[in-house]
Amino acid sequence: MSERKAFYSVDRLERAVAVLVGDDGVGLDVLKSTLPVTVREGVVLRVRLDTDGKPDWTHVALYLQREKHRLDSKHHQFVDDMAARTVWKREPTEKQHKYLHSLFYQLGGRIT
C-alpha cells in the first residue's frame, strides 16, 4: 500500500501565521513556529495522511512530544504515551485522537 500525502502551498504569511492551501483547495492556518522548516510564500510542503485523509496522527504525536515544553505539564504523560504508541503502531481510541489533535491545535495548528 502506498503512502498517501497531501501538498500544501504557502499562500501568504500573516505575522506569525502561515496560510496554507492544500491541493484539495482546503485552507489551513498554522503558526510559522510549528512548521518543521522556515517558509516563504510559494513554498510547497508535503504532509503524510492517514487512511481517513487527515494528517497522520503519528506525526502529530511525535511533534507534540518534541514541543511538549510548550504545554502544561499535566499533558506531558499523555503526549509521551501517544508517542510511544507510534513505535508499536497502536492506534489511539477516538477520545485519545480528539485529545491529541486538540493539543496540536492549542499549539497553533488549525484546519479551516
Protein backbone atom coordinates (compact mmCIF):
# COMPACT_ATOMS: atom_id res chain seq x y z
CA MET A 1 0.00 0.00 0.00
CA SER A 2 1.48 3.35 -0.97
CA GLU A 3 1.72 6.21 1.46
CA ARG A 4 -0.88 8.96 0.96
CA LYS A 5 0.31 12.53 1.00
CA ALA A 6 -1.17 15.95 0.55
CA PHE A 7 0.62 19.01 -0.68
CA TYR A 8 0.13 22.45 0.80
CA SER A 9 1.49 25.63 -0.70
CA VAL A 10 2.21 28.66 1.43
CA ASP A 11 -0.32 31.15 0.10
CA ARG A 12 0.74 34.04 2.32
CA LEU A 13 2.37 34.91 5.61
CA GLU A 14 0.46 36.97 8.17
CA ARG A 15 2.69 37.90 11.10
CA ALA A 16 3.22 34.62 12.99
CA VAL A 17 0.81 32.60 10.80
CA ALA A 18 1.41 30.79 7.55
CA VAL A 19 -1.77 30.48 5.47
CA LEU A 20 -1.53 27.21 3.57
CA VAL A 21 -3.76 25.96 0.76
CA GLY A 22 -3.97 22.24 0.12
CA ASP A 23 -4.04 20.56 -3.25
CA ASP A 24 -7.71 19.91 -2.48
CA GLY A 25 -8.35 23.65 -2.07
CA VAL A 26 -8.81 23.44 1.71
CA GLY A 27 -7.15 26.19 3.72
CA LEU A 28 -5.04 25.65 6.80
CA ASP A 29 -3.72 28.34 9.15
CA VAL A 30 -0.61 27.26 11.04
CA LEU A 31 1.75 29.12 13.35
CA LYS A 32 5.04 29.51 11.49
CA SER A 33 6.91 28.41 14.60
CA THR A 34 5.21 24.98 14.44
CA LEU A 35 6.41 24.19 10.93
CA PRO A 36 9.47 21.97 10.59
CA VAL A 37 11.13 24.35 8.12
CA THR A 38 11.37 28.09 7.54
CA VAL A 39 8.83 29.03 4.89
CA ARG A 40 8.14 31.84 2.46
CA GLU A 41 5.27 32.44 0.07
CA GLY A 42 5.13 29.84 -2.68
CA VAL A 43 6.90 27.06 -0.77
CA VAL A 44 5.22 23.66 -1.12
CA LEU A 45 5.00 21.33 1.90
CA ARG A 46 4.28 17.59 1.78
CA VAL A 47 2.16 16.12 4.61
CA ARG A 48 1.56 12.41 5.25
CA LEU A 49 -2.12 11.46 5.56
CA ASP A 50 -3.79 8.61 7.36
CA THR A 51 -6.44 6.39 5.76
CA ASP A 52 -9.16 8.96 6.57
CA GLY A 53 -7.29 11.67 4.70
CA LYS A 54 -6.31 13.51 7.88
CA PRO A 55 -2.74 14.35 8.87
CA ASP A 56 -1.09 11.16 10.16
CA TRP A 57 -1.61 11.00 13.95
CA THR A 58 1.86 9.53 14.49
CA HIS A 59 3.44 12.71 13.17
CA VAL A 60 1.15 14.81 15.37
CA ALA A 61 2.13 12.72 18.43
CA LEU A 62 5.85 12.98 17.72
CA TYR A 63 5.56 16.70 17.04
CA LEU A 64 3.77 17.19 20.38
CA GLN A 65 6.45 15.20 22.17
CA ARG A 66 9.15 17.47 20.69
CA GLU A 67 7.15 20.57 21.67
CA LYS A 68 5.68 19.39 24.99
CA HIS A 69 7.66 22.06 26.85
CA ARG A 70 5.09 24.49 25.40
CA LEU A 71 2.22 22.57 27.02
CA ASP A 72 1.10 22.49 30.63
CA SER A 73 2.89 19.66 32.45
CA LYS A 74 -0.43 17.87 33.09
CA HIS A 75 -0.40 16.87 29.38
CA HIS A 76 3.17 15.51 29.30
CA GLN A 77 2.40 11.91 30.31
CA PHE A 78 -0.40 11.63 27.73
CA VAL A 79 1.85 13.04 24.99
CA ASP A 80 4.64 10.60 25.91
CA ASP A 81 2.18 7.68 25.92
CA MET A 82 0.86 8.64 22.48
CA ALA A 83 4.39 8.99 21.10
CA ALA A 84 5.24 5.53 22.50
CA ARG A 85 2.26 4.09 20.61
CA THR A 86 3.90 5.12 17.34
CA VAL A 87 6.64 2.53 17.91
CA TRP A 88 4.13 -0.31 18.13
CA LYS A 89 1.69 1.23 15.63
CA ARG A 90 -1.09 1.04 18.24
CA GLU A 91 -3.95 3.24 17.12
CA PRO A 92 -5.34 5.63 19.76
CA THR A 93 -9.00 5.48 20.72
CA GLU A 94 -11.35 8.07 19.24
CA LYS A 95 -11.25 10.03 22.51
CA GLN A 96 -7.44 9.96 22.51
CA HIS A 97 -7.40 11.13 18.87
CA LYS A 98 -9.56 14.11 19.77
CA TYR A 99 -7.41 14.99 22.77
CA LEU A 100 -4.20 14.61 20.74
CA HIS A 101 -5.45 16.88 17.97
CA SER A 102 -6.84 19.40 20.48
CA LEU A 103 -3.33 19.75 21.91
CA PHE A 104 -1.97 20.15 18.38
CA TYR A 105 -4.47 22.93 17.69
CA GLN A 106 -3.58 24.52 21.05
CA LEU A 107 -0.01 24.86 19.75
CA GLY A 108 -1.22 26.62 16.62
CA GLY A 109 -2.43 24.04 14.13
CA ARG A 110 -5.89 24.81 12.74
CA ILE A 111 -7.78 23.27 9.83
CA THR A 112 -10.20 25.70 8.21
